[in-house]
Amino acid sequence: MRTDGKVLGVHVGRPALRDPAWLRSILIGLALGFLALFVVLPLVTVFAQALRHGLIAYFDALAEPDAVSAIHLTLLVAGIAVPINLVFGVTAAWAISKFEFTGKSLLITLIDLPFSVSPVISGMVYVLLFGLHGWFGPWLREHDLQVVFALPGLVLATMFVTFPFVARELIPLMQEQGIEEEEAAVSLGASGWQIFWRVTLPNIRWGLLYGTLLCNARAMGEFGAVSVVSGHIRGLTNTMPLHVEILYNEYNFVGAFAVASLLALLALVTLVAKSMVEWKWGDSLGHSRY
């Protein structure tokens, strides 16, 4: 190795490769153009169509009983599914990252299953299981219980498509942190709950918040699985995405885009919250991209 500031013909302290300015400009322009065409333009179109007939028509569309029911149902389903997935994600991440047990690889594979299975297929599975002519249909009918075409089916379908998000955000984070701090707490006589609340949870709080935001965003915007199990009953089982589809098919464009704009606003709020978490947490989020 040479000691005069050069190593194999490359000057130390200077970049080995430097892209020309015209190439950087083209790449940046392509990226910005892609974002403008596929992200900014659709958002602008949604809000422009929603407000085409003025604010009064916009708020009237949101105040319509079926729209209010869809908004309430969407928030209710997300409010049930997200906390359950939060508990599951923390539990699964704790077990996978802190312990060795038979079936660990299988559990990780099952957690990733919703990423590879179509949401429509998952909805059909719930219909086959809990529908009127499904495996558990006769028993449910005898006990006057309804899962499909009711709130329980919507929650189950939403839980399936969203349960990987919290776990998949926490597993690599907790594996990277190791078990040294927990072992130190055990040696000092801490109980399991004390270890979780005072050691583990503070270390994963930002990752947990990040995964919860992603889970909630997917829960409110889910269409495929929920569409299959909902039955499209207006005012009863239609969530916001389903209500948008119905209004659009009926050529009620102002109403459809008004509800769609509300979904877009929720997505933008989630994006801002996600950016704040990334800023707070820093570059430590980079390990868990999937």
C-alpha atoms as a PDB file:
ATOM      1  CA  MET A   1       0.000   0.000   0.000  1.00  0.00           C
ATOM      2  CA  ARG A   2       1.344   3.413  -0.906  1.00  0.00           C
ATOM      3  CA  THR A   3       1.701   6.124   1.723  1.00  0.00           C
ATOM      4  CA  ASP A   4       1.776   9.230  -0.481  1.00  0.00           C
ATOM      5  CA  GLY A   5      -1.962   9.819  -0.316  1.00  0.00           C
ATOM      6  CA  LYS A   6      -2.911   7.367  -3.071  1.00  0.00           C
ATOM      7  CA  VAL A   7      -4.227   3.852  -2.810  1.00  0.00           C
ATOM      8  CA  LEU A   8      -4.459   1.858  -6.020  1.00  0.00           C
ATOM      9  CA  GLY A   9      -4.628   5.026  -8.110  1.00  0.00           C
ATOM     10  CA  VAL A  10      -7.446   6.641  -6.069  1.00  0.00           C
ATOM     11  CA  HIS A  11      -6.678   9.862  -4.208  1.00  0.00           C
ATOM     12  CA  VAL A  12      -7.418   9.599  -0.499  1.00  0.00           C
ATOM     13  CA  GLY A  13      -9.970  12.179   0.625  1.00  0.00           C
ATOM     14  CA  ARG A  14     -11.536  12.500  -2.843  1.00  0.00           C
ATOM     15  CA  PRO A  15     -14.527  10.464  -4.098  1.00  0.00           C
ATOM     16  CA  ALA A  16     -13.576   7.540  -6.269  1.00  0.00           C
ATOM     17  CA  LEU A  17     -16.532   8.203  -8.551  1.00  0.00           C
ATOM     18  CA  ARG A  18     -18.187  11.511  -9.309  1.00  0.00           C
ATOM     19  CA  ASP A  19     -21.328  11.575 -11.443  1.00  0.00           C
ATOM     20  CA  PRO A  20     -21.504  14.429 -13.921  1.00  0.00           C
ATOM     21  CA  ALA A  21     -23.889  17.267 -13.116  1.00  0.00           C
ATOM     22  CA  TRP A  22     -26.144  16.527 -16.083  1.00  0.00           C
ATOM     23  CA  LEU A  23     -26.662  12.918 -14.919  1.00  0.00           C
ATOM     24  CA  ARG A  24     -27.521  13.989 -11.377  1.00  0.00           C
ATOM     25  CA  SER A  25     -29.982  16.530 -12.739  1.00  0.00           C
ATOM     26  CA  ILE A  26     -31.671  13.924 -14.922  1.00  0.00           C
ATOM     27  CA  LEU A  27     -31.997  11.443 -12.033  1.00  0.00           C
ATOM     28  CA  ILE A  28     -33.384  14.091  -9.683  1.00  0.00           C
ATOM     29  CA  GLY A  29     -35.765  15.309 -12.356  1.00  0.00           C
ATOM     30  CA  LEU A  30     -37.011  11.769 -13.033  1.00  0.00           C
ATOM     31  CA  ALA A  31     -37.583  11.162  -9.318  1.00  0.00           C
ATOM     32  CA  LEU A  32     -39.445  14.443  -8.860  1.00  0.00           C
ATOM     33  CA  GLY A  33     -41.458  13.866 -12.013  1.00  0.00           C
ATOM     34  CA  PHE A  34     -42.444  10.389 -10.836  1.00  0.00           C
ATOM     35  CA  LEU A  35     -43.562  11.751  -7.467  1.00  0.00           C
ATOM     36  CA  ALA A  36     -45.497  14.577  -9.099  1.00  0.00           C
ATOM     37  CA  LEU A  37     -47.252  12.227 -11.538  1.00  0.00           C
ATOM     38  CA  PHE A  38     -48.105   9.351  -9.203  1.00  0.00           C
ATOM     39  CA  VAL A  39     -48.382  11.039  -5.773  1.00  0.00           C
ATOM     40  CA  VAL A  40     -48.943  14.794  -5.929  1.00  0.00           C
ATOM     41  CA  LEU A  41     -51.240  14.885  -8.983  1.00  0.00           C
ATOM     42  CA  PRO A  42     -53.667  12.228  -7.661  1.00  0.00           C
ATOM     43  CA  LEU A  43     -53.874  14.000  -4.303  1.00  0.00           C
ATOM     44  CA  VAL A  44     -54.556  17.335  -5.949  1.00  0.00           C
ATOM     45  CA  THR A  45     -57.192  15.701  -8.167  1.00  0.00           C
ATOM     46  CA  VAL A  46     -58.955  14.146  -5.178  1.00  0.00           C
ATOM     47  CA  PHE A  47     -59.241  17.443  -3.300  1.00  0.00           C
ATOM     48  CA  ALA A  48     -60.119  19.397  -6.451  1.00  0.00           C
ATOM     49  CA  GLN A  49     -62.963  17.016  -7.304  1.00  0.00           C
ATOM     50  CA  ALA A  50     -64.175  16.957  -3.698  1.00  0.00           C
ATOM     51  CA  LEU A  51     -64.355  20.762  -3.549  1.00  0.00           C
ATOM     52  CA  ARG A  52     -65.630  21.232  -7.109  1.00  0.00           C
ATOM     53  CA  HIS A  53     -69.088  22.323  -5.933  1.00  0.00           C
ATOM     54  CA  GLY A  54     -67.906  24.290  -2.918  1.00  0.00           C
ATOM     55  CA  LEU A  55     -67.425  23.720   0.793  1.00  0.00           C
ATOM     56  CA  ILE A  56     -71.137  23.387   1.523  1.00  0.00           C
ATOM     57  CA  ALA A  57     -71.529  20.440  -0.857  1.00  0.00           C
ATOM     58  CA  TYR A  58     -68.304  18.961   0.498  1.00  0.00           C
ATOM     59  CA  PHE A  59     -69.420  18.988   4.127  1.00  0.00           C
ATOM     60  CA  ASP A  60     -72.935  17.893   3.168  1.00  0.00           C
ATOM     61  CA  ALA A  61     -71.424  14.816   1.518  1.00  0.00           C
ATOM     62  CA  LEU A  62     -69.441  14.017   4.678  1.00  0.00           C
ATOM     63  CA  ALA A  63     -72.508  14.612   6.883  1.00  0.00           C
ATOM     64  CA  GLU A  64     -74.666  12.211   4.861  1.00  0.00           C
ATOM     65  CA  PRO A  65     -75.827   9.331   7.165  1.00  0.00           C
ATOM     66  CA  ASP A  66     -74.175   6.551   5.167  1.00  0.00           C
ATOM     67  CA  ALA A  67     -70.905   8.511   5.052  1.00  0.00           C
ATOM     68  CA  VAL A  68     -71.031   9.134   8.812  1.00  0.00           C
ATOM     69  CA  SER A  69     -71.673   5.420   9.359  1.00  0.00           C
ATOM     70  CA  ALA A  70     -68.734   4.498   7.109  1.00  0.00           C
ATOM     71  CA  ILE A  71     -66.418   6.905   8.920  1.00  0.00           C
ATOM     72  CA  HIS A  72     -67.515   5.629  12.325  1.00  0.00           C
ATOM     73  CA  LEU A  73     -67.158   1.988  11.258  1.00  0.00           C
ATOM     74  CA  THR A  74     -63.685   2.581   9.817  1.00  0.00           C
ATOM     75  CA  LEU A  75     -62.479   4.190  13.031  1.00  0.00           C
ATOM     76  CA  LEU A  76     -64.127   1.462  15.102  1.00  0.00           C
ATOM     77  CA  VAL A  77     -62.549  -1.381  13.122  1.00  0.00           C
ATOM     78  CA  ALA A  78     -59.122   0.276  13.273  1.00  0.00           C
ATOM     79  CA  GLY A  79     -59.622   1.018  16.972  1.00  0.00           C
ATOM     80  CA  ILE A  80     -60.168  -2.692  17.651  1.00  0.00           C
ATOM     81  CA  ALA A  81     -57.719  -4.279  15.216  1.00  0.00           C
ATOM     82  CA  VAL A  82     -54.716  -2.012  15.822  1.00  0.00           C
ATOM     83  CA  PRO A  83     -54.494  -2.472  19.637  1.00  0.00           C
ATOM     84  CA  ILE A  84     -54.860  -6.244  19.245  1.00  0.00           C
ATOM     85  CA  ASN A  85     -52.091  -6.300  16.635  1.00  0.00           C
ATOM     86  CA  LEU A  86     -49.990  -4.059  18.874  1.00  0.00           C
ATOM     87  CA  VAL A  87     -50.209  -6.606  21.695  1.00  0.00           C
ATOM     88  CA  PHE A  88     -49.522  -9.472  19.296  1.00  0.00           C
ATOM     89  CA  GLY A  89     -46.596  -7.664  17.684  1.00  0.00           C
ATOM     90  CA  VAL A  90     -44.898  -6.892  20.994  1.00  0.00           C
ATOM     91  CA  THR A  91     -45.472 -10.442  22.254  1.00  0.00           C
ATOM     92  CA  ALA A  92     -44.227 -12.073  19.059  1.00  0.00           C
ATOM     93  CA  ALA A  93     -41.187  -9.790  18.829  1.00  0.00           C
ATOM     94  CA  TRP A  94     -40.335 -10.441  22.482  1.00  0.00           C
ATOM     95  CA  ALA A  95     -40.564 -14.221  22.021  1.00  0.00           C
ATOM     96  CA  ILE A  96     -38.631 -14.290  18.737  1.00  0.00           C
ATOM     97  CA  SER A  97     -35.844 -11.913  19.758  1.00  0.00           C
ATOM     98  CA  LYS A  98     -35.322 -12.966  23.370  1.00  0.00           C
ATOM     99  CA  PHE A  99     -35.870 -16.735  23.362  1.00  0.00           C
ATOM    100  CA  GLU A 100     -35.023 -19.862  21.404  1.00  0.00           C
ATOM    101  CA  PHE A 101     -37.855 -22.360  20.926  1.00  0.00           C
ATOM    102  CA  THR A 102     -39.105 -25.003  18.534  1.00  0.00           C
ATOM    103  CA  GLY A 103     -41.124 -23.506  15.698  1.00  0.00           C
ATOM    104  CA  LYS A 104     -39.452 -20.102  15.816  1.00  0.00           C
ATOM    105  CA  SER A 105     -38.773 -20.062  12.068  1.00  0.00           C
ATOM    106  CA  LEU A 106     -42.343 -21.151  11.380  1.00  0.00           C
ATOM    107  CA  LEU A 107     -43.683 -18.304  13.506  1.00  0.00           C
ATOM    108  CA  ILE A 108     -41.589 -15.767  11.575  1.00  0.00           C
ATOM    109  CA  THR A 109     -42.864 -17.215   8.293  1.00  0.00           C
ATOM    110  CA  LEU A 110     -46.481 -17.007   9.448  1.00  0.00           C
ATOM    111  CA  ILE A 111     -45.992 -13.380  10.472  1.00  0.00           C
ATOM    112  CA  ASP A 112     -44.890 -12.603   6.912  1.00  0.00           C
ATOM    113  CA  LEU A 113     -47.817 -14.530   5.388  1.00  0.00           C
ATOM    114  CA  PRO A 114     -50.131 -11.517   4.807  1.00  0.00           C
ATOM    115  CA  PHE A 115     -47.432  -9.893   2.682  1.00  0.00           C
ATOM    116  CA  SER A 116     -47.632 -12.752   0.179  1.00  0.00           C
ATOM    117  CA  VAL A 117     -51.343 -13.621   0.309  1.00  0.00           C
ATOM    118  CA  SER A 118     -53.889 -11.515  -1.538  1.00  0.00           C
ATOM    119  CA  PRO A 119     -56.277  -9.738   0.844  1.00  0.00           C
ATOM    120  CA  VAL A 120     -59.176 -10.985  -1.278  1.00  0.00           C
ATOM    121  CA  ILE A 121     -58.075 -14.578  -0.641  1.00  0.00           C
ATOM    122  CA  SER A 122     -57.937 -13.962   3.109  1.00  0.00           C
ATOM    123  CA  GLY A 123     -61.464 -12.545   2.978  1.00  0.00           C
ATOM    124  CA  MET A 124     -62.703 -15.607   1.099  1.00  0.00           C
ATOM    125  CA  VAL A 125     -61.118 -17.853   3.732  1.00  0.00           C
ATOM    126  CA  TYR A 126     -63.125 -16.115   6.458  1.00  0.00           C
ATOM    127  CA  VAL A 127     -66.297 -16.551   4.407  1.00  0.00           C
ATOM    128  CA  LEU A 128     -65.546 -20.275   4.027  1.00  0.00           C
ATOM    129  CA  LEU A 129     -64.940 -20.559   7.766  1.00  0.00           C
ATOM    130  CA  PHE A 130     -67.644 -18.347   9.249  1.00  0.00           C
ATOM    131  CA  GLY A 131     -70.155 -17.896   6.428  1.00  0.00           C
ATOM    132  CA  LEU A 132     -73.680 -19.286   6.498  1.00  0.00           C
ATOM    133  CA  HIS A 133     -72.552 -22.440   4.698  1.00  0.00           C
ATOM    134  CA  GLY A 134     -68.999 -22.412   6.097  1.00  0.00           C
ATOM    135  CA  TRP A 135     -67.358 -24.816   8.508  1.00  0.00           C
ATOM    136  CA  PHE A 136     -68.569 -22.991  11.598  1.00  0.00           C
ATOM    137  CA  GLY A 137     -71.686 -21.526   9.963  1.00  0.00           C
ATOM    138  CA  PRO A 138     -74.255 -23.964  11.427  1.00  0.00           C
ATOM    139  CA  TRP A 139     -72.857 -23.584  14.949  1.00  0.00           C
ATOM    140  CA  LEU A 140     -72.825 -19.788  14.685  1.00  0.00           C
ATOM    141  CA  ARG A 141     -76.403 -19.805  13.379  1.00  0.00           C
ATOM    142  CA  GLU A 142     -77.562 -22.017  16.250  1.00  0.00           C
ATOM    143  CA  HIS A 143     -76.046 -19.607  18.789  1.00  0.00           C
ATOM    144  CA  ASP A 144     -77.342 -16.515  16.966  1.00  0.00           C
ATOM    145  CA  LEU A 145     -73.826 -15.262  16.217  1.00  0.00           C
ATOM    146  CA  GLN A 146     -72.806 -13.523  13.011  1.00  0.00           C
ATOM    147  CA  VAL A 147     -69.216 -13.031  11.909  1.00  0.00           C
ATOM    148  CA  VAL A 148     -69.345 -12.522   8.150  1.00  0.00           C
ATOM    149  CA  PHE A 149     -71.300  -9.436   6.983  1.00  0.00           C
ATOM    150  CA  ALA A 150     -70.916  -7.955  10.462  1.00  0.00           C
ATOM    151  CA  LEU A 151     -68.384  -6.111  12.603  1.00  0.00           C
ATOM    152  CA  PRO A 152     -66.488  -9.255  13.776  1.00  0.00           C
ATOM    153  CA  GLY A 153     -65.727 -10.240  10.175  1.00  0.00           C
ATOM    154  CA  LEU A 154     -64.459  -6.768   9.341  1.00  0.00           C
ATOM    155  CA  VAL A 155     -62.199  -6.813  12.387  1.00  0.00           C
ATOM    156  CA  LEU A 156     -60.848 -10.294  11.615  1.00  0.00           C
ATOM    157  CA  ALA A 157     -60.118  -9.412   7.988  1.00  0.00           C
ATOM    158  CA  THR A 158     -58.414  -6.163   9.006  1.00  0.00           C
ATOM    159  CA  MET A 159     -56.372  -7.904  11.691  1.00  0.00           C
ATOM    160  CA  PHE A 160     -55.086 -10.452   9.202  1.00  0.00           C
ATOM    161  CA  VAL A 161     -53.794  -7.942   6.674  1.00  0.00           C
ATOM    162  CA  THR A 162     -52.254  -5.671   9.324  1.00  0.00           C
ATOM    163  CA  PHE A 163     -50.782  -7.929  11.986  1.00  0.00           C
ATOM    164  CA  PRO A 164     -47.241  -8.137  10.486  1.00  0.00           C
ATOM    165  CA  PHE A 165     -46.548  -4.406  10.710  1.00  0.00           C
ATOM    166  CA  VAL A 166     -45.856  -4.001  14.429  1.00  0.00           C
ATOM    167  CA  ALA A 167     -44.066  -7.330  14.788  1.00  0.00           C
ATOM    168  CA  ARG A 168     -41.940  -6.807  11.684  1.00  0.00           C
ATOM    169  CA  GLU A 169     -40.863  -3.378  12.918  1.00  0.00           C
ATOM    170  CA  LEU A 170     -39.898  -4.622  16.386  1.00  0.00           C
ATOM    171  CA  ILE A 171     -38.244  -7.978  15.664  1.00  0.00           C
ATOM    172  CA  PRO A 172     -35.022  -6.670  14.036  1.00  0.00           C
ATOM    173  CA  LEU A 173     -34.852  -3.788  16.515  1.00  0.00           C
ATOM    174  CA  MET A 174     -35.079  -6.077  19.543  1.00  0.00           C
ATOM    175  CA  GLN A 175     -32.657  -8.571  17.993  1.00  0.00           C
ATOM    176  CA  GLU A 176     -30.145  -5.770  17.473  1.00  0.00           C
ATOM    177  CA  GLN A 177     -30.517  -4.610  21.073  1.00  0.00           C
ATOM    178  CA  GLY A 178     -29.805  -8.083  22.437  1.00  0.00           C
ATOM    179  CA  ILE A 179     -30.692  -9.363  25.899  1.00  0.00           C
ATOM    180  CA  GLU A 180     -27.877  -7.908  27.993  1.00  0.00           C
ATOM    181  CA  GLU A 181     -30.018  -5.252  29.673  1.00  0.00           C
ATOM    182  CA  GLU A 182     -32.776  -7.736  30.475  1.00  0.00           C
ATOM    183  CA  GLU A 183     -30.237 -10.170  31.934  1.00  0.00           C
ATOM    184  CA  ALA A 184     -28.813  -7.371  34.078  1.00  0.00           C
ATOM    185  CA  ALA A 185     -32.317  -6.533  35.315  1.00  0.00           C
ATOM    186  CA  VAL A 186     -32.956 -10.194  36.175  1.00  0.00           C
ATOM    187  CA  SER A 187     -29.702 -10.361  38.117  1.00  0.00           C
ATOM    188  CA  LEU A 188     -30.894  -7.365  40.147  1.00  0.00           C
ATOM    189  CA  GLY A 189     -34.121  -9.135  41.039  1.00  0.00           C
ATOM    190  CA  ALA A 190     -36.550  -7.433  38.646  1.00  0.00           C
ATOM    191  CA  SER A 191     -39.756  -9.242  37.769  1.00  0.00           C
ATOM    192  CA  GLY A 192     -40.912  -9.905  34.227  1.00  0.00           C
ATOM    193  CA  TRP A 193     -43.319  -6.958  34.197  1.00  0.00           C
ATOM    194  CA  GLN A 194     -40.679  -4.648  35.679  1.00  0.00           C
ATOM    195  CA  ILE A 195     -38.220  -5.691  32.981  1.00  0.00           C
ATOM    196  CA  PHE A 196     -40.781  -5.037  30.259  1.00  0.00           C
ATOM    197  CA  TRP A 197     -41.999  -1.649  31.495  1.00  0.00           C
ATOM    198  CA  ARG A 198     -38.652  -0.228  32.661  1.00  0.00           C
ATOM    199  CA  VAL A 199     -36.127  -1.825  30.293  1.00  0.00           C
ATOM    200  CA  THR A 200     -37.645  -3.254  27.113  1.00  0.00           C
ATOM    201  CA  LEU A 201     -40.476  -0.794  26.427  1.00  0.00           C
ATOM    202  CA  PRO A 202     -38.350   2.382  26.709  1.00  0.00           C
ATOM    203  CA  ASN A 203     -35.887   0.873  24.229  1.00  0.00           C
ATOM    204  CA  ILE A 204     -38.534   0.014  21.644  1.00  0.00           C
ATOM    205  CA  ARG A 205     -41.010   2.883  22.117  1.00  0.00           C
ATOM    206  CA  TRP A 206     -40.207   4.663  18.848  1.00  0.00           C
ATOM    207  CA  GLY A 207     -40.180   1.457  16.837  1.00  0.00           C
ATOM    208  CA  LEU A 208     -43.474   0.488  18.463  1.00  0.00           C
ATOM    209  CA  LEU A 209     -45.004   3.852  17.583  1.00  0.00           C
ATOM    210  CA  TYR A 210     -43.699   3.614  14.012  1.00  0.00           C
ATOM    211  CA  GLY A 211     -45.153   0.133  13.508  1.00  0.00           C
ATOM    212  CA  THR A 212     -48.466   1.197  15.057  1.00  0.00           C
ATOM    213  CA  LEU A 213     -48.738   4.133  12.643  1.00  0.00           C
ATOM    214  CA  LEU A 214     -48.172   1.847   9.656  1.00  0.00           C
ATOM    215  CA  CYS A 215     -50.655  -0.680  11.027  1.00  0.00           C
ATOM    216  CA  ASN A 216     -53.301   1.978  11.564  1.00  0.00           C
ATOM    217  CA  ALA A 217     -52.805   3.463   8.092  1.00  0.00           C
ATOM    218  CA  ARG A 218     -53.281   0.054   6.468  1.00  0.00           C
ATOM    219  CA  ALA A 219     -56.278  -0.751   8.682  1.00  0.00           C
ATOM    220  CA  MET A 220     -58.168   2.401   7.673  1.00  0.00           C
ATOM    221  CA  GLY A 221     -57.365   2.017   3.979  1.00  0.00           C
ATOM    222  CA  GLU A 222     -57.910  -1.738   3.592  1.00  0.00           C
ATOM    223  CA  PHE A 223     -60.270  -2.651   0.769  1.00  0.00           C
ATOM    224  CA  GLY A 224     -59.845  -6.183  -0.592  1.00  0.00           C
ATOM    225  CA  ALA A 225     -60.340  -8.391   2.470  1.00  0.00           C
ATOM    226  CA  VAL A 226     -62.963  -6.101   3.992  1.00  0.00           C
ATOM    227  CA  SER A 227     -64.877  -5.977   0.696  1.00  0.00           C
ATOM    228  CA  VAL A 228     -65.313  -9.752   0.678  1.00  0.00           C
ATOM    229  CA  VAL A 229     -66.564 -10.121   4.257  1.00  0.00           C
ATOM    230  CA  SER A 230     -68.628  -6.925   4.488  1.00  0.00           C
ATOM    231  CA  GLY A 231     -71.528  -7.730   2.171  1.00  0.00           C
ATOM    232  CA  HIS A 232     -71.585  -4.034   1.127  1.00  0.00           C
ATOM    233  CA  ILE A 233     -74.538  -3.231   3.370  1.00  0.00           C
ATOM    234  CA  ARG A 234     -74.915   0.547   3.261  1.00  0.00           C
ATOM    235  CA  GLY A 235     -74.960   2.171   6.648  1.00  0.00           C
ATOM    236  CA  LEU A 236     -73.990  -1.068   8.395  1.00  0.00           C
ATOM    237  CA  THR A 237     -70.887  -2.818   7.010  1.00  0.00           C
ATOM    238  CA  ASN A 238     -69.401  -0.335   4.558  1.00  0.00           C
ATOM    239  CA  THR A 239     -66.104   1.190   5.605  1.00  0.00           C
ATOM    240  CA  MET A 240     -64.809   4.379   4.003  1.00  0.00           C
ATOM    241  CA  PRO A 241     -63.011   2.683   1.063  1.00  0.00           C
ATOM    242  CA  LEU A 242     -66.116   0.604   0.302  1.00  0.00           C
ATOM    243  CA  HIS A 243     -68.354   3.657   0.581  1.00  0.00           C
ATOM    244  CA  VAL A 244     -66.137   5.516  -1.887  1.00  0.00           C
ATOM    245  CA  GLU A 245     -66.492   2.683  -4.394  1.00  0.00           C
ATOM    246  CA  ILE A 246     -70.280   2.639  -4.093  1.00  0.00           C
ATOM    247  CA  LEU A 247     -70.617   6.388  -4.493  1.00  0.00           C
ATOM    248  CA  TYR A 248     -68.286   6.400  -7.495  1.00  0.00           C
ATOM    249  CA  ASN A 249     -70.219   3.590  -9.174  1.00  0.00           C
ATOM    250  CA  GLU A 250     -73.387   5.622  -8.642  1.00  0.00           C
ATOM    251  CA  TYR A 251     -71.746   8.633 -10.335  1.00  0.00           C
ATOM    252  CA  ASN A 252     -71.883  10.606  -7.084  1.00  0.00           C
ATOM    253  CA  PHE A 253     -68.428  11.992  -7.709  1.00  0.00           C
ATOM    254  CA  VAL A 254     -68.591  14.803  -5.152  1.00  0.00           C
ATOM    255  CA  GLY A 255     -69.548  12.406  -2.378  1.00  0.00           C
ATOM    256  CA  ALA A 256     -66.980   9.809  -3.469  1.00  0.00           C
ATOM    257  CA  PHE A 257     -64.138  12.292  -3.636  1.00  0.00           C
ATOM    258  CA  ALA A 258     -65.216  13.963  -0.380  1.00  0.00           C
ATOM    259  CA  VAL A 259     -64.878  10.693   1.524  1.00  0.00           C
ATOM    260  CA  ALA A 260     -61.724   9.873  -0.421  1.00  0.00           C
ATOM    261  CA  SER A 261     -60.266  13.241   0.573  1.00  0.00           C
ATOM    262  CA  LEU A 262     -60.876  12.371   4.207  1.00  0.00           C
ATOM    263  CA  LEU A 263     -58.935   9.147   3.718  1.00  0.00           C
ATOM    264  CA  ALA A 264     -56.205  11.153   2.012  1.00  0.00           C
ATOM    265  CA  LEU A 265     -56.096  13.563   4.963  1.00  0.00           C
ATOM    266  CA  LEU A 266     -55.752  10.642   7.363  1.00  0.00           C
ATOM    267  CA  ALA A 267     -52.930   9.305   5.198  1.00  0.00           C
ATOM    268  CA  LEU A 268     -51.186  12.700   5.215  1.00  0.00           C
ATOM    269  CA  VAL A 269     -51.520  12.920   9.002  1.00  0.00           C
ATOM    270  CA  THR A 270     -50.014   9.441   9.252  1.00  0.00           C
ATOM    271  CA  LEU A 271     -47.192  10.507   6.932  1.00  0.00           C
ATOM    272  CA  VAL A 272     -46.430  13.575   9.048  1.00  0.00           C
ATOM    273  CA  ALA A 273     -46.494  11.507  12.234  1.00  0.00           C
ATOM    274  CA  LYS A 274     -44.261   8.902  10.581  1.00  0.00           C
ATOM    275  CA  SER A 275     -41.778  11.609   9.548  1.00  0.00           C
ATOM    276  CA  MET A 276     -41.734  13.003  13.071  1.00  0.00           C
ATOM    277  CA  VAL A 277     -41.024   9.549  14.483  1.00  0.00           C
ATOM    278  CA  GLU A 278     -38.225   9.036  11.954  1.00  0.00           C
ATOM    279  CA  TRP A 279     -36.767  12.423  12.871  1.00  0.00           C
ATOM    280  CA  LYS A 280     -36.983  11.617  16.567  1.00  0.00           C
ATOM    281  CA  TRP A 281     -35.676   8.114  16.236  1.00  0.00           C
ATOM    282  CA  GLY A 282     -33.012   8.999  13.706  1.00  0.00           C
ATOM    283  CA  ASP A 283     -31.162   6.595  11.466  1.00  0.00           C
ATOM    284  CA  SER A 284     -31.921   3.619  13.713  1.00  0.00           C
ATOM    285  CA  LEU A 285     -35.045   2.972  11.631  1.00  0.00           C
ATOM    286  CA  GLY A 286     -32.940   2.038   8.650  1.00  0.00           C
ATOM    287  CA  HIS A 287     -32.435  -1.553   9.787  1.00  0.00           C
ATOM    288  CA  SER A 288     -36.077  -2.604   9.548  1.00  0.00           C
ATOM    289  CA  ARG A 289     -37.077  -1.801   6.020  1.00  0.00           C
ATOM    290  CA  TYR A 290     -38.891  -4.635   4.336  1.00  0.00           C
END
